[in-house]
Amino acid sequence: MHLQMGPIQILLMQLLADGSEQEITGLTTGGWAMMLGSIAMVTALLIFCIVRIFSESKPSEHHHAPLDIDTGDHL
C-alpha cells in the first residue's frame, strides 16, 4: 500500500527533519501584532484613497486636458 502525501505534509516533514519534535503552533504575540497592524494600515490606506477620490464634488481645471493642444505640426 502506497501512502500519498500532500505538499503540506511534505513541507512539515522537511521542517521537522532536524530531529526536534516541536509542535507547530500558531503565531506569537509579536506575529499577531505585526499581522493585525499591517492589515489595519492597508485597510486605512484603501479607505483614505477611496474617500479622497469620491469626495471631490466638482473636478478642478488640472484634472482635464486643454482643448487646444499644440503638437508643433503646422499645415
PDB file of N, CA and C in Angstrom:
ATOM      1  N   MET A   1       0.841  -1.175   0.000  1.00  0.00           N
ATOM      2  CA  MET A   1       0.000   0.000   0.000  1.00  0.00           C
ATOM      3  C   MET A   1       0.884   1.235   0.000  1.00  0.00           C
ATOM      4  N   HIS A   2       0.675   2.101  -0.966  1.00  0.00           N
ATOM      5  CA  HIS A   2       1.494   3.309  -1.118  1.00  0.00           C
ATOM      6  C   HIS A   2       0.761   4.492  -0.501  1.00  0.00           C
ATOM      7  N   LEU A   3       1.416   5.184   0.418  1.00  0.00           N
ATOM      8  CA  LEU A   3       0.810   6.320   1.107  1.00  0.00           C
ATOM      9  C   LEU A   3       1.074   7.601   0.326  1.00  0.00           C
ATOM     10  N   GLN A   4       0.032   8.279  -0.070  1.00  0.00           N
ATOM     11  CA  GLN A   4       0.168   9.537  -0.811  1.00  0.00           C
ATOM     12  C   GLN A   4       0.198  10.690   0.191  1.00  0.00           C
ATOM     13  N   MET A   5       1.173  11.579   0.004  1.00  0.00           N
ATOM     14  CA  MET A   5       1.292  12.730   0.894  1.00  0.00           C
ATOM     15  C   MET A   5       1.136  14.001   0.076  1.00  0.00           C
ATOM     16  N   GLY A   6       0.439  14.965   0.665  1.00  0.00           N
ATOM     17  CA  GLY A   6       0.253  16.242   0.009  1.00  0.00           C
ATOM     18  C   GLY A   6       1.454  17.142   0.241  1.00  0.00           C
ATOM     19  N   PRO A   7       1.495  18.291  -0.418  1.00  0.00           N
ATOM     20  CA  PRO A   7       2.623  19.210  -0.286  1.00  0.00           C
ATOM     21  C   PRO A   7       2.787  19.754   1.133  1.00  0.00           C
ATOM     22  N   ILE A   8       1.687  19.914   1.866  1.00  0.00           N
ATOM     23  CA  ILE A   8       1.782  20.430   3.234  1.00  0.00           C
ATOM     24  C   ILE A   8       2.477  19.406   4.130  1.00  0.00           C
ATOM     25  N   GLN A   9       2.099  18.136   4.006  1.00  0.00           N
ATOM     26  CA  GLN A   9       2.724  17.102   4.820  1.00  0.00           C
ATOM     27  C   GLN A   9       4.215  16.975   4.495  1.00  0.00           C
ATOM     28  N   ILE A  10       4.560  17.085   3.218  1.00  0.00           N
ATOM     29  CA  ILE A  10       5.972  17.002   2.826  1.00  0.00           C
ATOM     30  C   ILE A  10       6.746  18.177   3.414  1.00  0.00           C
ATOM     31  N   LEU A  11       6.174  19.373   3.337  1.00  0.00           N
ATOM     32  CA  LEU A  11       6.831  20.550   3.899  1.00  0.00           C
ATOM     33  C   LEU A  11       7.011  20.408   5.407  1.00  0.00           C
ATOM     34  N   LEU A  12       5.996  19.927   6.104  1.00  0.00           N
ATOM     35  CA  LEU A  12       6.105  19.747   7.550  1.00  0.00           C
ATOM     36  C   LEU A  12       7.165  18.708   7.898  1.00  0.00           C
ATOM     37  N   MET A  13       7.245  17.645   7.125  1.00  0.00           N
ATOM     38  CA  MET A  13       8.276  16.636   7.387  1.00  0.00           C
ATOM     39  C   MET A  13       9.663  17.223   7.182  1.00  0.00           C
ATOM     40  N   GLN A  14       9.839  18.074   6.170  1.00  0.00           N
ATOM     41  CA  GLN A  14      11.137  18.690   5.931  1.00  0.00           C
ATOM     42  C   GLN A  14      11.486  19.675   7.045  1.00  0.00           C
ATOM     43  N   LEU A  15      10.485  20.397   7.531  1.00  0.00           N
ATOM     44  CA  LEU A  15      10.744  21.352   8.609  1.00  0.00           C
ATOM     45  C   LEU A  15      11.136  20.644   9.903  1.00  0.00           C
ATOM     46  N   LEU A  16      10.545  19.485  10.140  1.00  0.00           N
ATOM     47  CA  LEU A  16      10.826  18.753  11.370  1.00  0.00           C
ATOM     48  C   LEU A  16      11.901  17.681  11.185  1.00  0.00           C
ATOM     49  N   ALA A  17      12.599  17.687  10.071  1.00  0.00           N
ATOM     50  CA  ALA A  17      13.578  16.649   9.766  1.00  0.00           C
ATOM     51  C   ALA A  17      14.844  16.757  10.598  1.00  0.00           C
ATOM     52  N   ASP A  18      15.008  17.852  11.344  1.00  0.00           N
ATOM     53  CA  ASP A  18      16.229  18.012  12.127  1.00  0.00           C
ATOM     54  C   ASP A  18      16.211  17.180  13.407  1.00  0.00           C
ATOM     55  N   GLY A  19      15.160  16.425  13.639  1.00  0.00           N
ATOM     56  CA  GLY A  19      15.114  15.545  14.791  1.00  0.00           C
ATOM     57  C   GLY A  19      14.317  16.132  15.945  1.00  0.00           C
ATOM     58  N   SER A  20      14.089  17.424  15.947  1.00  0.00           N
ATOM     59  CA  SER A  20      13.294  18.005  17.019  1.00  0.00           C
ATOM     60  C   SER A  20      11.834  17.707  16.758  1.00  0.00           C
ATOM     61  N   GLU A  21      11.146  17.410  17.791  1.00  0.00           N
ATOM     62  CA  GLU A  21       9.738  17.090  17.642  1.00  0.00           C
ATOM     63  C   GLU A  21       8.908  18.199  18.261  1.00  0.00           C
ATOM     64  N   GLN A  22       9.167  19.426  17.811  1.00  0.00           N
ATOM     65  CA  GLN A  22       8.419  20.564  18.307  1.00  0.00           C
ATOM     66  C   GLN A  22       7.054  20.588  17.647  1.00  0.00           C
ATOM     67  N   GLU A  23       6.078  20.961  18.426  1.00  0.00           N
ATOM     68  CA  GLU A  23       4.738  21.100  17.866  1.00  0.00           C
ATOM     69  C   GLU A  23       4.647  22.455  17.184  1.00  0.00           C
ATOM     70  N   ILE A  24       4.134  22.468  15.966  1.00  0.00           N
ATOM     71  CA  ILE A  24       3.984  23.718  15.245  1.00  0.00           C
ATOM     72  C   ILE A  24       2.698  24.374  15.730  1.00  0.00           C
ATOM     73  N   THR A  25       2.867  25.533  16.322  1.00  0.00           N
ATOM     74  CA  THR A  25       1.720  26.248  16.880  1.00  0.00           C
ATOM     75  C   THR A  25       1.412  27.454  16.021  1.00  0.00           C
ATOM     76  N   GLY A  26       0.521  28.295  16.480  1.00  0.00           N
ATOM     77  CA  GLY A  26       0.115  29.478  15.734  1.00  0.00           C
ATOM     78  C   GLY A  26       1.125  30.599  15.864  1.00  0.00           C
ATOM     79  N   LEU A  27       0.666  31.810  15.645  1.00  0.00           N
ATOM     80  CA  LEU A  27       1.519  32.986  15.694  1.00  0.00           C
ATOM     81  C   LEU A  27       1.843  33.371  17.129  1.00  0.00           C
ATOM     82  N   THR A  28       2.980  33.978  17.291  1.00  0.00           N
ATOM     83  CA  THR A  28       3.324  34.540  18.595  1.00  0.00           C
ATOM     84  C   THR A  28       2.601  35.869  18.757  1.00  0.00           C
ATOM     85  N   THR A  29       2.723  36.461  19.911  1.00  0.00           N
ATOM     86  CA  THR A  29       2.089  37.760  20.155  1.00  0.00           C
ATOM     87  C   THR A  29       2.633  38.813  19.203  1.00  0.00           C
ATOM     88  N   GLY A  30       3.934  38.810  18.983  1.00  0.00           N
ATOM     89  CA  GLY A  30       4.529  39.753  18.041  1.00  0.00           C
ATOM     90  C   GLY A  30       4.059  39.518  16.617  1.00  0.00           C
ATOM     91  N   GLY A  31       3.876  38.263  16.245  1.00  0.00           N
ATOM     92  CA  GLY A  31       3.369  37.933  14.915  1.00  0.00           C
ATOM     93  C   GLY A  31       1.956  38.433  14.716  1.00  0.00           C
ATOM     94  N   TRP A  32       1.108  38.245  15.739  1.00  0.00           N
ATOM     95  CA  TRP A  32      -0.260  38.754  15.669  1.00  0.00           C
ATOM     96  C   TRP A  32      -0.268  40.269  15.554  1.00  0.00           C
ATOM     97  N   ALA A  33       0.574  40.934  16.340  1.00  0.00           N
ATOM     98  CA  ALA A  33       0.630  42.396  16.298  1.00  0.00           C
ATOM     99  C   ALA A  33       1.072  42.878  14.922  1.00  0.00           C
ATOM    100  N   MET A  34       2.060  42.242  14.338  1.00  0.00           N
ATOM    101  CA  MET A  34       2.549  42.624  13.020  1.00  0.00           C
ATOM    102  C   MET A  34       1.478  42.381  11.956  1.00  0.00           C
ATOM    103  N   MET A  35       0.814  41.237  12.011  1.00  0.00           N
ATOM    104  CA  MET A  35      -0.203  40.929  11.023  1.00  0.00           C
ATOM    105  C   MET A  35      -1.391  41.885  11.135  1.00  0.00           C
ATOM    106  N   LEU A  36      -1.901  42.095  12.343  1.00  0.00           N
ATOM    107  CA  LEU A  36      -3.047  42.975  12.518  1.00  0.00           C
ATOM    108  C   LEU A  36      -2.690  44.420  12.197  1.00  0.00           C
ATOM    109  N   GLY A  37      -1.471  44.840  12.553  1.00  0.00           N
ATOM    110  CA  GLY A  37      -1.030  46.198  12.229  1.00  0.00           C
ATOM    111  C   GLY A  37      -0.925  46.424  10.735  1.00  0.00           C
ATOM    112  N   SER A  38      -0.394  45.460  10.019  1.00  0.00           N
ATOM    113  CA  SER A  38      -0.259  45.624   8.568  1.00  0.00           C
ATOM    114  C   SER A  38      -1.617  45.599   7.880  1.00  0.00           C
ATOM    115  N   ILE A  39      -2.514  44.732   8.336  1.00  0.00           N
ATOM    116  CA  ILE A  39      -3.862  44.713   7.763  1.00  0.00           C
ATOM    117  C   ILE A  39      -4.570  46.034   8.037  1.00  0.00           C
ATOM    118  N   ALA A  40      -4.405  46.586   9.239  1.00  0.00           N
ATOM    119  CA  ALA A  40      -5.034  47.865   9.583  1.00  0.00           C
ATOM    120  C   ALA A  40      -4.470  49.003   8.731  1.00  0.00           C
ATOM    121  N   MET A  41      -3.163  49.001   8.505  1.00  0.00           N
ATOM    122  CA  MET A  41      -2.546  50.061   7.698  1.00  0.00           C
ATOM    123  C   MET A  41      -3.034  49.996   6.246  1.00  0.00           C
ATOM    124  N   VAL A  42      -3.086  48.821   5.661  1.00  0.00           N
ATOM    125  CA  VAL A  42      -3.526  48.682   4.279  1.00  0.00           C
ATOM    126  C   VAL A  42      -5.006  49.057   4.157  1.00  0.00           C
ATOM    127  N   THR A  43      -5.816  48.645   5.118  1.00  0.00           N
ATOM    128  CA  THR A  43      -7.239  48.997   5.107  1.00  0.00           C
ATOM    129  C   THR A  43      -7.431  50.494   5.244  1.00  0.00           C
ATOM    130  N   ALA A  44      -6.671  51.134   6.145  1.00  0.00           N
ATOM    131  CA  ALA A  44      -6.767  52.584   6.327  1.00  0.00           C
ATOM    132  C   ALA A  44      -6.350  53.320   5.055  1.00  0.00           C
ATOM    133  N   LEU A  45      -5.294  52.870   4.410  1.00  0.00           N
ATOM    134  CA  LEU A  45      -4.855  53.490   3.162  1.00  0.00           C
ATOM    135  C   LEU A  45      -5.910  53.333   2.072  1.00  0.00           C
ATOM    136  N   LEU A  46      -6.518  52.166   1.980  1.00  0.00           N
ATOM    137  CA  LEU A  46      -7.572  51.925   0.992  1.00  0.00           C
ATOM    138  C   LEU A  46      -8.758  52.860   1.238  1.00  0.00           C
ATOM    139  N   ILE A  47      -9.200  52.961   2.479  1.00  0.00           N
ATOM    140  CA  ILE A  47     -10.333  53.830   2.806  1.00  0.00           C
ATOM    141  C   ILE A  47      -9.983  55.287   2.522  1.00  0.00           C
ATOM    142  N   PHE A  48      -8.772  55.718   2.882  1.00  0.00           N
ATOM    143  CA  PHE A  48      -8.336  57.085   2.615  1.00  0.00           C
ATOM    144  C   PHE A  48      -8.384  57.393   1.122  1.00  0.00           C
ATOM    145  N   CYS A  49      -7.873  56.474   0.304  1.00  0.00           N
ATOM    146  CA  CYS A  49      -7.842  56.699  -1.149  1.00  0.00           C
ATOM    147  C   CYS A  49      -9.251  56.739  -1.735  1.00  0.00           C
ATOM    148  N   ILE A  50     -10.110  55.832  -1.305  1.00  0.00           N
ATOM    149  CA  ILE A  50     -11.474  55.815  -1.831  1.00  0.00           C
ATOM    150  C   ILE A  50     -12.216  57.086  -1.435  1.00  0.00           C
ATOM    151  N   VAL A  51     -12.079  57.522  -0.183  1.00  0.00           N
ATOM    152  CA  VAL A  51     -12.738  58.756   0.259  1.00  0.00           C
ATOM    153  C   VAL A  51     -12.178  59.945  -0.498  1.00  0.00           C
ATOM    154  N   ARG A  52     -10.892  59.976  -0.697  1.00  0.00           N
ATOM    155  CA  ARG A  52     -10.260  61.092  -1.406  1.00  0.00           C
ATOM    156  C   ARG A  52     -10.737  61.173  -2.862  1.00  0.00           C
ATOM    157  N   ILE A  53     -10.904  60.030  -3.493  1.00  0.00           N
ATOM    158  CA  ILE A  53     -11.336  60.011  -4.891  1.00  0.00           C
ATOM    159  C   ILE A  53     -12.791  60.455  -5.025  1.00  0.00           C
ATOM    160  N   PHE A  54     -13.669  59.940  -4.170  1.00  0.00           N
ATOM    161  CA  PHE A  54     -15.093  60.193  -4.340  1.00  0.00           C
ATOM    162  C   PHE A  54     -15.602  61.429  -3.603  1.00  0.00           C
ATOM    163  N   SER A  55     -14.788  62.079  -2.797  1.00  0.00           N
ATOM    164  CA  SER A  55     -15.280  63.224  -2.031  1.00  0.00           C
ATOM    165  C   SER A  55     -15.193  64.535  -2.808  1.00  0.00           C
ATOM    166  N   GLU A  56     -14.444  64.600  -3.886  1.00  0.00           N
ATOM    167  CA  GLU A  56     -14.324  65.831  -4.653  1.00  0.00           C
ATOM    168  C   GLU A  56     -15.624  66.072  -5.405  1.00  0.00           C
ATOM    169  N   SER A  57     -16.295  67.193  -5.072  1.00  0.00           N
ATOM    170  CA  SER A  57     -17.615  67.431  -5.638  1.00  0.00           C
ATOM    171  C   SER A  57     -17.554  67.859  -7.107  1.00  0.00           C
ATOM    172  N   LYS A  58     -16.611  68.736  -7.446  1.00  0.00           N
ATOM    173  CA  LYS A  58     -16.503  69.204  -8.828  1.00  0.00           C
ATOM    174  C   LYS A  58     -15.047  69.100  -9.267  1.00  0.00           C
ATOM    175  N   PRO A  59     -14.770  68.441 -10.375  1.00  0.00           N
ATOM    176  CA  PRO A  59     -13.385  68.334 -10.826  1.00  0.00           C
ATOM    177  C   PRO A  59     -12.793  69.716 -11.113  1.00  0.00           C
ATOM    178  N   SER A  60     -11.583  69.909 -10.718  1.00  0.00           N
ATOM    179  CA  SER A  60     -10.933  71.193 -10.959  1.00  0.00           C
ATOM    180  C   SER A  60     -10.286  71.210 -12.337  1.00  0.00           C
ATOM    181  N   GLU A  61      -9.722  72.345 -12.698  1.00  0.00           N
ATOM    182  CA  GLU A  61      -9.143  72.527 -14.032  1.00  0.00           C
ATOM    183  C   GLU A  61      -7.977  71.573 -14.319  1.00  0.00           C
ATOM    184  N   HIS A  62      -7.188  71.257 -13.321  1.00  0.00           N
ATOM    185  CA  HIS A  62      -5.990  70.448 -13.583  1.00  0.00           C
ATOM    186  C   HIS A  62      -6.317  68.971 -13.834  1.00  0.00           C
ATOM    187  N   HIS A  63      -7.586  68.587 -13.728  1.00  0.00           N
ATOM    188  CA  HIS A  63      -7.953  67.204 -13.991  1.00  0.00           C
ATOM    189  C   HIS A  63      -8.263  66.955 -15.461  1.00  0.00           C
ATOM    190  N   HIS A  64      -8.301  68.003 -16.253  1.00  0.00           N
ATOM    191  CA  HIS A  64      -8.692  67.858 -17.650  1.00  0.00           C
ATOM    192  C   HIS A  64      -7.570  68.357 -18.568  1.00  0.00           C
ATOM    193  N   ALA A  65      -7.508  67.762 -19.742  1.00  0.00           N
ATOM    194  CA  ALA A  65      -6.541  68.204 -20.743  1.00  0.00           C
ATOM    195  C   ALA A  65      -7.073  69.462 -21.419  1.00  0.00           C
ATOM    196  N   PRO A  66      -6.190  70.335 -21.856  1.00  0.00           N
ATOM    197  CA  PRO A  66      -6.662  71.528 -22.565  1.00  0.00           C
ATOM    198  C   PRO A  66      -7.313  71.131 -23.894  1.00  0.00           C
ATOM    199  N   LEU A  67      -8.251  71.956 -24.354  1.00  0.00           N
ATOM    200  CA  LEU A  67      -8.959  71.633 -25.584  1.00  0.00           C
ATOM    201  C   LEU A  67      -8.069  71.786 -26.808  1.00  0.00           C
ATOM    202  N   ASP A  68      -7.206  72.784 -26.815  1.00  0.00           N
ATOM    203  CA  ASP A  68      -6.298  73.016 -27.940  1.00  0.00           C
ATOM    204  C   ASP A  68      -4.893  72.600 -27.534  1.00  0.00           C
ATOM    205  N   ILE A  69      -4.407  71.547 -28.136  1.00  0.00           N
ATOM    206  CA  ILE A  69      -3.063  71.051 -27.842  1.00  0.00           C
ATOM    207  C   ILE A  69      -2.197  71.364 -29.041  1.00  0.00           C
ATOM    208  N   ASP A  70      -1.113  72.103 -28.812  1.00  0.00           N
ATOM    209  CA  ASP A  70      -0.188  72.435 -29.875  1.00  0.00           C
ATOM    210  C   ASP A  70       0.801  71.303 -30.060  1.00  0.00           C
ATOM    211  N   THR A  71       0.688  70.581 -31.150  1.00  0.00           N
ATOM    212  CA  THR A  71       1.586  69.452 -31.418  1.00  0.00           C
ATOM    213  C   THR A  71       2.818  69.852 -32.200  1.00  0.00           C
ATOM    214  N   GLY A  72       2.868  71.092 -32.673  1.00  0.00           N
ATOM    215  CA  GLY A  72       4.029  71.531 -33.431  1.00  0.00           C
ATOM    216  C   GLY A  72       3.904  71.302 -34.920  1.00  0.00           C
ATOM    217  N   ASP A  73       2.878  70.587 -35.336  1.00  0.00           N
ATOM    218  CA  ASP A  73       2.669  70.333 -36.760  1.00  0.00           C
ATOM    219  C   ASP A  73       1.872  71.497 -37.346  1.00  0.00           C
ATOM    220  N   HIS A  74       2.485  72.180 -38.295  1.00  0.00           N
ATOM    221  CA  HIS A  74       1.787  73.296 -38.950  1.00  0.00           C
ATOM    222  C   HIS A  74       1.553  72.930 -40.405  1.00  0.00           C
ATOM    223  N   LEU A  75       0.337  73.008 -40.861  1.00  0.00           N
ATOM    224  CA  LEU A  75      -0.004  72.653 -42.234  1.00  0.00           C
ATOM    225  C   LEU A  75       0.082  73.813 -43.158  1.00  0.00           C
TER     226      LEU A  75
END
